[in-house]
């Protein structure tokens, strides 16, 4: 997985970028969007949580992850990631196509 290594590795950069862009998310969703294996995504998120950059909480039986709003550089991290997404066009496309709410029943799916 070649790409920019803004946060140490291409995989870590993709996971951090997805976590910031998706706001509240789950490790499996981040893994699916970024293309980083789930175990690697979980390890990266655990490291980020130890460093205080992200927080997690249990929502039912799933762990929900988001950027720690109390982290001193949270706003700067968000601004940096949103600008850096221009350098990772495949991740930007995957994030834009990620559906964040349910589809209306009976609505046709546009596959163009």
Protein backbone atom coordinates (compact mmCIF):
# COMPACT_ATOMS: atom_id res chain seq x y z
CA UNK A 1 0.00 0.00 0.00
CA UNK A 2 1.95 2.96 -1.26
CA UNK A 3 0.88 6.45 -0.37
CA UNK A 4 1.76 9.43 1.71
CA UNK A 5 3.19 8.72 5.15
CA UNK A 6 2.00 11.81 6.96
CA UNK A 7 1.50 9.96 10.26
CA UNK A 8 4.40 7.49 10.08
CA UNK A 9 3.08 4.91 7.63
CA UNK A 10 0.64 4.83 4.76
CA UNK A 11 -1.71 2.56 6.73
CA UNK A 12 -1.65 4.79 9.81
CA UNK A 13 -2.24 7.86 7.63
CA UNK A 14 -5.27 6.20 6.01
CA UNK A 15 -6.71 5.10 9.38
CA UNK A 16 -6.22 8.52 11.01
CA UNK A 17 -7.70 10.24 7.95
CA UNK A 18 -10.75 7.98 7.94
CA UNK A 19 -11.29 8.33 11.69
CA UNK A 20 -11.22 12.11 11.37
CA UNK A 21 -13.39 12.28 8.26
CA UNK A 22 -16.03 9.81 9.49
CA UNK A 23 -16.23 11.42 12.95
CA UNK A 24 -18.01 8.61 14.86
CA UNK A 25 -17.10 5.27 13.36
CA UNK A 26 -16.24 1.65 14.03
CA UNK A 27 -12.94 -0.16 13.43
CA UNK A 28 -14.54 -2.46 10.84
CA UNK A 29 -15.98 0.50 8.92
CA UNK A 30 -12.61 2.27 8.98
CA UNK A 31 -10.92 -0.93 7.80
CA UNK A 32 -13.41 -1.36 4.95
CA UNK A 33 -13.09 2.23 3.75
CA UNK A 34 -9.30 2.40 3.98
CA UNK A 35 -8.42 -1.07 2.73
CA UNK A 36 -6.22 -1.63 5.80
CA UNK A 37 -6.70 -5.09 7.38
CA UNK A 38 -8.99 -5.09 10.42
CA UNK A 39 -6.32 -6.28 12.87
CA UNK A 40 -3.94 -3.53 11.72
CA UNK A 41 -6.73 -0.97 12.00
CA UNK A 42 -7.51 -2.11 15.54
CA UNK A 43 -3.84 -1.88 16.55
CA UNK A 44 -3.46 1.59 15.04
CA UNK A 45 -6.62 2.78 16.81
CA UNK A 46 -5.40 1.29 20.11
CA UNK A 47 -2.10 3.18 19.72
CA UNK A 48 -3.98 6.40 18.93
CA UNK A 49 -6.20 5.89 21.97
CA UNK A 50 -3.15 5.34 24.22
CA UNK A 51 -1.72 8.60 22.86
CA UNK A 52 -5.02 10.39 23.64
CA UNK A 53 -5.76 11.29 20.02
CA UNK A 54 -8.92 9.18 19.74
CA UNK A 55 -11.46 7.98 22.28
CA UNK A 56 -13.64 4.92 22.12
CA UNK A 57 -16.75 3.72 23.84
CA UNK A 58 -18.94 0.67 23.67
CA UNK A 59 -22.19 1.13 21.75
CA UNK A 60 -24.01 -2.15 22.33
CA UNK A 61 -21.42 -4.78 21.53
CA UNK A 62 -19.40 -2.60 19.16
CA UNK A 63 -16.59 -0.18 19.88
CA UNK A 64 -17.26 3.30 18.53
CA UNK A 65 -14.21 5.47 17.81
CA UNK A 66 -13.85 9.23 17.33
CA UNK A 67 -11.22 11.92 17.57
CA UNK A 68 -10.86 13.09 21.16
CA UNK A 69 -12.44 16.58 21.26
CA UNK A 70 -10.41 17.36 24.39
CA UNK A 71 -7.11 16.64 22.63
CA UNK A 72 -5.32 20.01 22.30
CA UNK A 73 -4.70 19.75 18.55
CA UNK A 74 -8.03 18.17 17.52
CA UNK A 75 -9.12 21.13 15.37
CA UNK A 76 -5.72 21.36 13.69
CA UNK A 77 -5.68 17.61 13.04
CA UNK A 78 -9.10 17.82 11.39
CA UNK A 79 -8.01 20.74 9.18
CA UNK A 80 -4.78 18.96 8.20
CA UNK A 81 -6.52 15.69 7.36
CA UNK A 82 -9.24 17.35 5.30
CA UNK A 83 -6.59 19.13 3.24
CA UNK A 84 -4.40 16.01 2.98
CA UNK A 85 -7.30 13.97 1.57
CA UNK A 86 -6.58 15.71 -1.75
CA UNK A 87 -3.33 13.72 -1.80
CA UNK A 88 -5.16 10.40 -1.30
CA UNK A 89 -7.85 10.47 -4.01
CA UNK A 90 -8.88 6.82 -3.63
CA UNK A 91 -9.55 7.31 0.09
CA UNK A 92 -11.45 10.53 -0.57
CA UNK A 93 -13.64 8.70 -3.11
CA UNK A 94 -14.26 5.83 -0.68
CA UNK A 95 -15.19 8.26 2.11
CA UNK A 96 -17.53 10.22 -0.13
CA UNK A 97 -19.33 7.07 -1.24
CA UNK A 98 -19.74 5.77 2.32
CA UNK A 99 -23.42 5.91 3.26
CA UNK A 100 -23.93 7.33 6.74
CA UNK A 101 -27.71 6.91 7.09
CA UNK A 102 -30.29 4.34 6.04
CA UNK A 103 -31.76 4.38 2.55
CA UNK A 104 -35.48 5.11 2.26
CA UNK A 105 -37.43 1.86 1.75
CA UNK A 106 -38.24 1.27 -1.91
CA UNK A 107 -35.83 3.90 -3.20
CA UNK A 108 -34.08 2.66 -6.34
CA UNK A 109 -30.32 2.28 -6.23
CA UNK A 110 -28.54 4.38 -8.86
CA UNK A 111 -25.58 2.32 -10.08
CA UNK A 112 -24.22 4.71 -12.70
